[in-house]
Amino acid sequence: MLIPIGCDHAGVELKEIVKTHLINKGFEVEDYGTHGPDSVDYPDFGHKVANHVTEAKGLGIVICGSGNGINMTVNKHQEIRSALCWTAEIAALARQHNDANIIAVPARFVSTELALEMIDTFLSTDFEGGRHGRRVDKISC
């Protein structure tokens, strides 16, 4: 499975760790940047991940300092349901109940270990459908 990932300057260090972790688990990773610590605008990278997820109908990862800005950005895309997660349980529920297709990670507020646990949970959890499907169908405007 190919996983697109993008971040701003606050997420570069975590993004690199996540990439290595995913590659070691057998995933392919498409890195949409950023690639250094210089200040950048998170929408530039969030939109690239959202476009990829929309076209490929897959899952993606975005990272910024609080997770909020990049999460808001990707959620502007009609077919994106991004979840800002801060626990593995939230990541699981985002997939199970909301059919989230992007996880947003707050790099400044979670440990590396927790970020990896959340991402692993997100990528390995399926949407339950049923009553949740009816609700998800009502999200888009």
Protein backbone atom coordinates (compact mmCIF):
# COMPACT_ATOMS: atom_id res chain seq x y z
CA MET A 1 0.00 0.00 0.00
CA LEU A 2 1.27 3.48 -0.90
CA ILE A 3 0.88 6.05 1.87
CA PRO A 4 1.17 9.77 1.08
CA ILE A 5 2.61 11.89 3.87
CA GLY A 6 3.11 15.63 4.26
CA CYS A 7 4.06 18.08 6.97
CA ASP A 8 5.16 21.57 7.79
CA HIS A 9 8.46 22.54 9.42
CA ALA A 10 7.22 21.46 12.88
CA GLY A 11 6.59 17.94 11.62
CA VAL A 12 9.74 17.21 9.62
CA GLU A 13 11.54 15.22 12.32
CA LEU A 14 8.48 13.10 13.11
CA LYS A 15 7.70 12.63 9.41
CA GLU A 16 11.13 11.14 8.79
CA ILE A 17 10.67 8.71 11.70
CA VAL A 18 7.20 7.75 10.45
CA LYS A 19 8.52 7.19 6.91
CA THR A 20 11.23 4.82 8.14
CA HIS A 21 8.74 3.02 10.36
CA LEU A 22 6.28 2.52 7.50
CA ILE A 23 8.94 1.40 5.03
CA ASN A 24 10.21 -1.12 7.59
CA LYS A 25 6.63 -2.45 7.82
CA GLY A 26 6.48 -2.96 4.03
CA PHE A 27 4.59 0.19 3.01
CA GLU A 28 5.58 2.46 0.16
CA VAL A 29 5.65 6.15 1.09
CA GLU A 30 5.11 9.20 -1.12
CA ASP A 31 6.72 12.14 0.70
CA TYR A 32 5.15 15.46 -0.26
CA GLY A 33 7.40 17.48 2.04
CA THR A 34 8.46 19.67 3.56
CA HIS A 35 12.02 18.45 3.92
CA GLY A 36 13.71 20.92 6.23
CA PRO A 37 13.29 23.09 9.32
CA ASP A 38 12.72 26.40 7.50
CA SER A 39 9.29 27.90 8.09
CA VAL A 40 6.75 26.91 5.42
CA ASP A 41 2.99 27.10 4.89
CA TYR A 42 1.29 23.83 5.86
CA PRO A 43 -1.49 24.14 3.22
CA ASP A 44 1.09 23.71 0.45
CA PHE A 45 1.81 20.18 1.69
CA GLY A 46 -1.62 19.25 3.03
CA HIS A 47 -3.29 19.88 -0.33
CA LYS A 48 -0.83 17.52 -2.05
CA VAL A 49 -1.65 14.70 0.37
CA ALA A 50 -5.40 15.35 0.09
CA ASN A 51 -5.22 15.30 -3.71
CA HIS A 52 -3.33 12.01 -3.62
CA VAL A 53 -5.82 10.40 -1.23
CA THR A 54 -8.77 11.65 -3.30
CA GLU A 55 -7.33 10.25 -6.54
CA ALA A 56 -6.04 6.97 -5.12
CA LYS A 57 -8.97 6.33 -2.74
CA GLY A 58 -6.44 5.36 -0.08
CA LEU A 59 -5.22 6.60 3.29
CA GLY A 60 -2.81 9.42 4.14
CA ILE A 61 -0.90 11.11 6.93
CA VAL A 62 -0.41 14.81 7.65
CA ILE A 63 1.64 16.33 10.45
CA CYS A 64 2.04 19.86 11.80
CA GLY A 65 2.80 21.41 15.17
CA SER A 66 -0.73 21.31 16.62
CA GLY A 67 -2.24 19.20 13.86
CA ASN A 68 -5.05 21.72 13.55
CA GLY A 69 -3.99 23.81 10.57
CA ILE A 70 -3.08 20.96 8.29
CA ASN A 71 -6.19 19.04 9.39
CA MET A 72 -8.42 22.01 8.52
CA THR A 73 -6.66 22.30 5.17
CA VAL A 74 -7.15 18.72 4.05
CA ASN A 75 -10.75 18.69 5.25
CA LYS A 76 -11.55 21.42 2.71
CA HIS A 77 -11.34 18.71 0.04
CA GLN A 78 -14.79 17.25 -0.60
CA GLU A 79 -13.83 13.58 -0.37
CA ILE A 80 -11.49 13.89 2.60
CA ARG A 81 -12.40 12.95 6.14
CA SER A 82 -9.34 13.78 8.19
CA ALA A 83 -9.18 13.10 11.91
CA LEU A 84 -6.92 14.98 14.32
CA CYS A 85 -5.80 12.23 16.68
CA TRP A 86 -4.08 12.31 20.04
CA THR A 87 -4.66 8.69 21.20
CA ALA A 88 -4.67 5.31 19.47
CA GLU A 89 -8.30 4.86 20.51
CA ILE A 90 -9.28 8.08 18.71
CA ALA A 91 -7.40 6.84 15.63
CA ALA A 92 -9.26 3.52 15.71
CA LEU A 93 -12.65 5.19 16.15
CA ALA A 94 -11.90 7.63 13.34
CA ARG A 95 -11.53 4.68 10.98
CA GLN A 96 -14.26 2.46 12.48
CA HIS A 97 -17.00 5.06 12.85
CA ASN A 98 -16.05 7.93 10.53
CA ASP A 99 -14.24 6.18 7.67
CA ALA A 100 -11.46 8.76 8.08
CA ASN A 101 -9.01 8.62 5.20
CA ILE A 102 -6.32 10.92 6.61
CA ILE A 103 -4.84 11.03 10.08
CA ALA A 104 -3.57 14.40 11.31
CA VAL A 105 -0.85 14.18 13.96
CA PRO A 106 0.08 17.05 16.34
CA ALA A 107 3.88 16.72 16.35
CA ARG A 108 4.41 19.08 19.30
CA PHE A 109 1.88 17.36 21.55
CA VAL A 110 2.40 13.59 21.19
CA SER A 111 5.46 11.43 21.76
CA THR A 112 7.09 9.64 18.86
CA GLU A 113 5.97 6.31 20.32
CA LEU A 114 2.35 7.48 20.55
CA ALA A 115 2.43 8.93 17.04
CA LEU A 116 3.63 5.59 15.63
CA GLU A 117 1.01 3.68 17.64
CA MET A 118 -1.75 5.98 16.37
CA ILE A 119 -0.59 5.65 12.77
CA ASP A 120 -0.29 1.85 13.00
CA THR A 121 -3.78 1.69 14.49
CA PHE A 122 -5.21 4.02 11.84
CA LEU A 123 -3.70 2.05 8.96
CA SER A 124 -4.78 -1.35 10.30
CA THR A 125 -8.36 -0.50 11.29
CA ASP A 126 -11.28 -0.98 8.93
CA PHE A 127 -14.47 1.04 8.60
CA GLU A 128 -17.39 -0.76 10.28
CA GLY A 129 -20.07 0.51 7.90
CA GLY A 130 -23.66 -0.15 8.96
CA ARG A 131 -25.17 2.74 10.89
CA HIS A 132 -21.86 4.56 10.59
CA GLY A 133 -22.08 4.44 6.79
CA ARG A 134 -25.40 6.25 6.87
CA ARG A 135 -23.85 8.98 9.00
CA VAL A 136 -20.71 9.29 6.90
CA ASP A 137 -22.88 9.68 3.81
CA LYS A 138 -24.37 12.82 5.40
CA ILE A 139 -21.02 14.57 6.01
CA SER A 140 -20.37 16.10 2.57
CA CYS A 141 -22.21 19.29 1.60
